[in-house]
Amino acid sequence: MKKIITLFWQICLFRAGPEQVPTASVFTALAVAVYLITSITATFFFEPALGGNILKAALAVLVGSAVQISIFAMLLLFKGVMSRFVATLVALLGTDILLTVMAMVILGLISFLGGQATLGELAIQSTRIFLITLVIWNLAVTGFILHRATNTGLFLGNAIAVGSAITAQMIVVAIFLPNLPQ
């Protein structure tokens, strides 16, 4: 287990690529399950617009993930490297799990400090900046994985990562949060 977490961490640090990720079906299923648990948990607890509805949180994660995975699969298919799909998927899921757990810790800290305005203002602002940095880092890691998996430039990998994240977010908001002010 430590080797796998270390591998995903090395990918997050841009020192390893998706080609080094195990692709056994049991491992892939485990990565999908852990990804869904962490993502649904994070969405349930830290997305107030969903009103604490676990079903909406689960469906939002499933829809957003399906949109992004479809975009990535089309990219791999277009580049003629569809054989790398499982390794790419597992690398994306594994790194997202690590970064989501880090984000949950930060969001939990923000929630905890939110009630202590005098003590926590600087800490809250610092953790928000760190959270934004974490989102940018997650997009950069996704772009790096796509770059390595598709033999494209790093800029293109990052552009596709950002574009797919925006597309997925727009679709999830349109389906699950249609009454949000525009």
C-alpha atoms as a PDB file:
ATOM      1  CA  MET A   1       0.000   0.000   0.000  1.00  0.00           C
ATOM      2  CA  LYS A   2       2.829   2.372   0.868  1.00  0.00           C
ATOM      3  CA  LYS A   3       4.414   1.795  -2.562  1.00  0.00           C
ATOM      4  CA  ILE A   4       1.175   2.707  -4.329  1.00  0.00           C
ATOM      5  CA  ILE A   5       0.639   5.871  -2.294  1.00  0.00           C
ATOM      6  CA  THR A   6       4.278   6.796  -2.914  1.00  0.00           C
ATOM      7  CA  LEU A   7       3.808   6.238  -6.658  1.00  0.00           C
ATOM      8  CA  PHE A   8       0.744   8.480  -6.763  1.00  0.00           C
ATOM      9  CA  TRP A   9       2.609  11.083  -4.716  1.00  0.00           C
ATOM     10  CA  GLN A  10       5.516  10.911  -7.184  1.00  0.00           C
ATOM     11  CA  ILE A  11       3.050  11.536 -10.016  1.00  0.00           C
ATOM     12  CA  CYS A  12       1.700  14.531  -8.063  1.00  0.00           C
ATOM     13  CA  LEU A  13       5.282  15.812  -7.902  1.00  0.00           C
ATOM     14  CA  PHE A  14       5.725  15.228 -11.664  1.00  0.00           C
ATOM     15  CA  ARG A  15       8.458  12.627 -11.050  1.00  0.00           C
ATOM     16  CA  ALA A  16       6.572   9.559 -12.330  1.00  0.00           C
ATOM     17  CA  GLY A  17       3.995   9.008 -15.036  1.00  0.00           C
ATOM     18  CA  PRO A  18       0.869   6.973 -15.665  1.00  0.00           C
ATOM     19  CA  GLU A  19       2.911   4.339 -17.467  1.00  0.00           C
ATOM     20  CA  GLN A  20       4.192   3.153 -14.066  1.00  0.00           C
ATOM     21  CA  VAL A  21       0.745   2.594 -12.545  1.00  0.00           C
ATOM     22  CA  PRO A  22      -0.489  -0.993 -12.048  1.00  0.00           C
ATOM     23  CA  THR A  23      -3.430  -1.843 -14.295  1.00  0.00           C
ATOM     24  CA  ALA A  24      -4.698  -5.112 -12.814  1.00  0.00           C
ATOM     25  CA  SER A  25      -8.485  -5.205 -12.790  1.00  0.00           C
ATOM     26  CA  VAL A  26      -8.692  -5.668  -9.001  1.00  0.00           C
ATOM     27  CA  PHE A  27      -6.430  -2.662  -8.444  1.00  0.00           C
ATOM     28  CA  THR A  28      -8.423  -0.583 -10.941  1.00  0.00           C
ATOM     29  CA  ALA A  29     -11.690  -1.503  -9.196  1.00  0.00           C
ATOM     30  CA  LEU A  30     -10.169  -0.588  -5.831  1.00  0.00           C
ATOM     31  CA  ALA A  31      -8.975   2.776  -7.182  1.00  0.00           C
ATOM     32  CA  VAL A  32     -12.455   3.515  -8.565  1.00  0.00           C
ATOM     33  CA  ALA A  33     -14.107   2.560  -5.268  1.00  0.00           C
ATOM     34  CA  VAL A  34     -11.759   4.665  -3.119  1.00  0.00           C
ATOM     35  CA  TYR A  35     -12.081   7.572  -5.560  1.00  0.00           C
ATOM     36  CA  LEU A  36     -15.879   7.449  -5.383  1.00  0.00           C
ATOM     37  CA  ILE A  37     -15.881   7.243  -1.591  1.00  0.00           C
ATOM     38  CA  THR A  38     -13.502  10.188  -1.144  1.00  0.00           C
ATOM     39  CA  SER A  39     -15.113  12.348  -3.821  1.00  0.00           C
ATOM     40  CA  ILE A  40     -18.677  11.713  -2.684  1.00  0.00           C
ATOM     41  CA  THR A  41     -17.661  12.337   0.932  1.00  0.00           C
ATOM     42  CA  ALA A  42     -15.945  15.611   0.039  1.00  0.00           C
ATOM     43  CA  THR A  43     -18.874  16.739  -2.097  1.00  0.00           C
ATOM     44  CA  PHE A  44     -21.437  15.779   0.552  1.00  0.00           C
ATOM     45  CA  PHE A  45     -19.701  17.605   3.391  1.00  0.00           C
ATOM     46  CA  PHE A  46     -18.232  20.594   1.592  1.00  0.00           C
ATOM     47  CA  GLU A  47     -20.741  21.552  -1.127  1.00  0.00           C
ATOM     48  CA  PRO A  48     -23.496  23.396   0.726  1.00  0.00           C
ATOM     49  CA  ALA A  49     -25.474  24.099  -2.450  1.00  0.00           C
ATOM     50  CA  LEU A  50     -26.416  20.402  -2.557  1.00  0.00           C
ATOM     51  CA  GLY A  51     -28.196  20.805   0.768  1.00  0.00           C
ATOM     52  CA  GLY A  52     -26.598  17.799   2.442  1.00  0.00           C
ATOM     53  CA  ASN A  53     -28.251  15.396   0.007  1.00  0.00           C
ATOM     54  CA  ILE A  54     -26.024  12.304  -0.317  1.00  0.00           C
ATOM     55  CA  LEU A  55     -27.823  11.122  -3.462  1.00  0.00           C
ATOM     56  CA  LYS A  56     -27.241  14.461  -5.197  1.00  0.00           C
ATOM     57  CA  ALA A  57     -23.606  14.407  -4.077  1.00  0.00           C
ATOM     58  CA  ALA A  58     -23.130  10.909  -5.476  1.00  0.00           C
ATOM     59  CA  LEU A  59     -24.845  11.724  -8.760  1.00  0.00           C
ATOM     60  CA  ALA A  60     -22.889  14.974  -9.121  1.00  0.00           C
ATOM     61  CA  VAL A  61     -19.603  13.091  -8.666  1.00  0.00           C
ATOM     62  CA  LEU A  62     -20.685  10.366 -11.109  1.00  0.00           C
ATOM     63  CA  VAL A  63     -21.804  12.836 -13.780  1.00  0.00           C
ATOM     64  CA  GLY A  64     -18.744  15.066 -13.423  1.00  0.00           C
ATOM     65  CA  SER A  65     -16.407  12.092 -13.496  1.00  0.00           C
ATOM     66  CA  ALA A  66     -18.178  10.551 -16.496  1.00  0.00           C
ATOM     67  CA  VAL A  67     -17.849  13.802 -18.449  1.00  0.00           C
ATOM     68  CA  GLN A  68     -14.141  14.108 -17.747  1.00  0.00           C
ATOM     69  CA  ILE A  69     -13.388  10.422 -18.340  1.00  0.00           C
ATOM     70  CA  SER A  70     -15.266  10.597 -21.653  1.00  0.00           C
ATOM     71  CA  ILE A  71     -13.203  13.590 -22.755  1.00  0.00           C
ATOM     72  CA  PHE A  72      -9.981  11.841 -21.758  1.00  0.00           C
ATOM     73  CA  ALA A  73     -11.029   8.635 -23.538  1.00  0.00           C
ATOM     74  CA  MET A  74     -11.782  10.587 -26.715  1.00  0.00           C
ATOM     75  CA  LEU A  75      -8.343  12.194 -26.484  1.00  0.00           C
ATOM     76  CA  LEU A  76      -6.640   8.825 -26.080  1.00  0.00           C
ATOM     77  CA  LEU A  77      -8.672   7.406 -28.955  1.00  0.00           C
ATOM     78  CA  PHE A  78      -7.850  10.383 -31.176  1.00  0.00           C
ATOM     79  CA  LYS A  79      -4.144  10.039 -30.401  1.00  0.00           C
ATOM     80  CA  GLY A  80      -4.247   6.292 -31.103  1.00  0.00           C
ATOM     81  CA  VAL A  81      -3.185   5.285 -27.603  1.00  0.00           C
ATOM     82  CA  MET A  82      -6.425   3.879 -26.222  1.00  0.00           C
ATOM     83  CA  SER A  83      -4.407   0.959 -24.812  1.00  0.00           C
ATOM     84  CA  ARG A  84      -3.198   3.432 -22.150  1.00  0.00           C
ATOM     85  CA  PHE A  85      -6.728   4.170 -20.939  1.00  0.00           C
ATOM     86  CA  VAL A  86      -6.675   2.032 -17.783  1.00  0.00           C
ATOM     87  CA  ALA A  87      -3.250   3.261 -16.663  1.00  0.00           C
ATOM     88  CA  THR A  88      -4.284   6.857 -17.336  1.00  0.00           C
ATOM     89  CA  LEU A  89      -7.564   6.409 -15.477  1.00  0.00           C
ATOM     90  CA  VAL A  90      -5.909   4.824 -12.449  1.00  0.00           C
ATOM     91  CA  ALA A  91      -3.230   7.545 -12.353  1.00  0.00           C
ATOM     92  CA  LEU A  92      -5.909  10.245 -12.524  1.00  0.00           C
ATOM     93  CA  LEU A  93      -8.009   8.592  -9.816  1.00  0.00           C
ATOM     94  CA  GLY A  94      -5.077   7.865  -7.510  1.00  0.00           C
ATOM     95  CA  THR A  95      -3.664  11.367  -7.639  1.00  0.00           C
ATOM     96  CA  ASP A  96      -7.136  12.850  -7.231  1.00  0.00           C
ATOM     97  CA  ILE A  97      -7.679  10.733  -4.116  1.00  0.00           C
ATOM     98  CA  LEU A  98      -4.524  12.121  -2.514  1.00  0.00           C
ATOM     99  CA  LEU A  99      -5.309  15.713  -3.430  1.00  0.00           C
ATOM    100  CA  THR A 100      -8.963  15.375  -2.368  1.00  0.00           C
ATOM    101  CA  VAL A 101      -7.935  14.091   1.057  1.00  0.00           C
ATOM    102  CA  MET A 102      -5.596  17.076   1.384  1.00  0.00           C
ATOM    103  CA  ALA A 103      -8.442  19.400   0.351  1.00  0.00           C
ATOM    104  CA  MET A 104     -10.796  17.811   2.884  1.00  0.00           C
ATOM    105  CA  VAL A 105      -8.278  18.468   5.647  1.00  0.00           C
ATOM    106  CA  ILE A 106      -8.006  22.110   4.548  1.00  0.00           C
ATOM    107  CA  LEU A 107     -11.774  22.523   4.265  1.00  0.00           C
ATOM    108  CA  GLY A 108     -12.202  20.940   7.680  1.00  0.00           C
ATOM    109  CA  LEU A 109      -9.675  23.395   9.082  1.00  0.00           C
ATOM    110  CA  ILE A 110     -11.545  26.308   7.489  1.00  0.00           C
ATOM    111  CA  SER A 111     -14.816  25.056   9.016  1.00  0.00           C
ATOM    112  CA  PHE A 112     -13.176  24.640  12.410  1.00  0.00           C
ATOM    113  CA  LEU A 113     -11.548  28.087  12.368  1.00  0.00           C
ATOM    114  CA  GLY A 114     -14.631  29.798  10.958  1.00  0.00           C
ATOM    115  CA  GLY A 115     -16.216  30.060  14.381  1.00  0.00           C
ATOM    116  CA  GLN A 116     -13.218  31.813  15.920  1.00  0.00           C
ATOM    117  CA  ALA A 117     -12.984  35.106  14.014  1.00  0.00           C
ATOM    118  CA  THR A 118     -10.290  36.721  16.153  1.00  0.00           C
ATOM    119  CA  LEU A 119      -8.005  33.724  16.149  1.00  0.00           C
ATOM    120  CA  GLY A 120      -8.783  32.400  12.753  1.00  0.00           C
ATOM    121  CA  GLU A 121      -8.995  35.225  10.182  1.00  0.00           C
ATOM    122  CA  LEU A 122      -5.388  34.941   9.042  1.00  0.00           C
ATOM    123  CA  ALA A 123      -5.541  31.158   9.244  1.00  0.00           C
ATOM    124  CA  ILE A 124      -8.766  31.082   7.227  1.00  0.00           C
ATOM    125  CA  GLN A 125      -7.293  33.285   4.504  1.00  0.00           C
ATOM    126  CA  SER A 126      -4.104  31.222   4.450  1.00  0.00           C
ATOM    127  CA  THR A 127      -6.003  27.953   4.125  1.00  0.00           C
ATOM    128  CA  ARG A 128      -8.168  29.398   1.339  1.00  0.00           C
ATOM    129  CA  ILE A 129      -5.042  30.404  -0.576  1.00  0.00           C
ATOM    130  CA  PHE A 130      -3.656  26.910  -0.014  1.00  0.00           C
ATOM    131  CA  LEU A 131      -6.949  25.404  -1.231  1.00  0.00           C
ATOM    132  CA  ILE A 132      -6.804  27.461  -4.447  1.00  0.00           C
ATOM    133  CA  THR A 133      -3.206  26.340  -4.891  1.00  0.00           C
ATOM    134  CA  LEU A 134      -4.349  22.742  -4.418  1.00  0.00           C
ATOM    135  CA  VAL A 135      -6.998  23.108  -7.160  1.00  0.00           C
ATOM    136  CA  ILE A 136      -4.396  24.527  -9.554  1.00  0.00           C
ATOM    137  CA  TRP A 137      -2.008  21.734  -8.585  1.00  0.00           C
ATOM    138  CA  ASN A 138      -4.707  19.134  -9.276  1.00  0.00           C
ATOM    139  CA  LEU A 139      -5.272  20.603 -12.752  1.00  0.00           C
ATOM    140  CA  ALA A 140      -1.520  20.629 -13.394  1.00  0.00           C
ATOM    141  CA  VAL A 141      -1.218  16.983 -12.325  1.00  0.00           C
ATOM    142  CA  THR A 142      -4.118  16.031 -14.606  1.00  0.00           C
ATOM    143  CA  GLY A 143      -2.476  17.911 -17.467  1.00  0.00           C
ATOM    144  CA  PHE A 144       0.844  16.187 -16.749  1.00  0.00           C
ATOM    145  CA  ILE A 145      -0.798  12.744 -16.790  1.00  0.00           C
ATOM    146  CA  LEU A 146      -2.560  13.526 -20.086  1.00  0.00           C
ATOM    147  CA  HIS A 147       0.688  14.860 -21.540  1.00  0.00           C
ATOM    148  CA  ARG A 148       2.539  11.646 -20.641  1.00  0.00           C
ATOM    149  CA  ALA A 149      -0.288   9.316 -21.684  1.00  0.00           C
ATOM    150  CA  THR A 150      -0.906  10.917 -25.086  1.00  0.00           C
ATOM    151  CA  ASN A 151       2.613  11.995 -26.086  1.00  0.00           C
ATOM    152  CA  THR A 152       1.447  15.581 -26.484  1.00  0.00           C
ATOM    153  CA  GLY A 153       2.907  18.808 -25.226  1.00  0.00           C
ATOM    154  CA  LEU A 154       2.501  19.743 -21.605  1.00  0.00           C
ATOM    155  CA  PHE A 155       0.599  22.893 -22.559  1.00  0.00           C
ATOM    156  CA  LEU A 156      -1.973  20.867 -24.497  1.00  0.00           C
ATOM    157  CA  GLY A 157      -2.346  18.395 -21.620  1.00  0.00           C
ATOM    158  CA  ASN A 158      -2.967  21.264 -19.208  1.00  0.00           C
ATOM    159  CA  ALA A 159      -5.392  22.978 -21.594  1.00  0.00           C
ATOM    160  CA  ILE A 160      -7.417  19.781 -21.910  1.00  0.00           C
ATOM    161  CA  ALA A 161      -7.353  19.307 -18.130  1.00  0.00           C
ATOM    162  CA  VAL A 162      -8.708  22.813 -17.554  1.00  0.00           C
ATOM    163  CA  GLY A 163     -11.251  22.552 -20.375  1.00  0.00           C
ATOM    164  CA  SER A 164     -12.564  19.199 -19.175  1.00  0.00           C
ATOM    165  CA  ALA A 165     -12.845  20.446 -15.583  1.00  0.00           C
ATOM    166  CA  ILE A 166     -14.805  23.508 -16.695  1.00  0.00           C
ATOM    167  CA  THR A 167     -17.045  21.419 -18.954  1.00  0.00           C
ATOM    168  CA  ALA A 168     -17.753  18.896 -16.204  1.00  0.00           C
ATOM    169  CA  GLN A 169     -18.461  21.648 -13.681  1.00  0.00           C
ATOM    170  CA  MET A 170     -20.834  23.447 -16.053  1.00  0.00           C
ATOM    171  CA  ILE A 171     -22.782  20.244 -16.698  1.00  0.00           C
ATOM    172  CA  VAL A 172     -22.976  19.340 -12.998  1.00  0.00           C
ATOM    173  CA  VAL A 173     -24.160  22.856 -12.093  1.00  0.00           C
ATOM    174  CA  ALA A 174     -26.737  22.843 -14.905  1.00  0.00           C
ATOM    175  CA  ILE A 175     -28.152  19.486 -13.761  1.00  0.00           C
ATOM    176  CA  PHE A 176     -27.928  19.657  -9.977  1.00  0.00           C
ATOM    177  CA  LEU A 177     -27.898  23.370  -9.170  1.00  0.00           C
ATOM    178  CA  PRO A 178     -30.123  25.012 -11.799  1.00  0.00           C
ATOM    179  CA  ASN A 179     -31.354  27.723  -9.436  1.00  0.00           C
ATOM    180  CA  LEU A 180     -27.962  29.207  -8.646  1.00  0.00           C
ATOM    181  CA  PRO A 181     -27.667  32.865  -9.584  1.00  0.00           C
ATOM    182  CA  GLN A 182     -25.782  33.298 -12.842  1.00  0.00           C
END
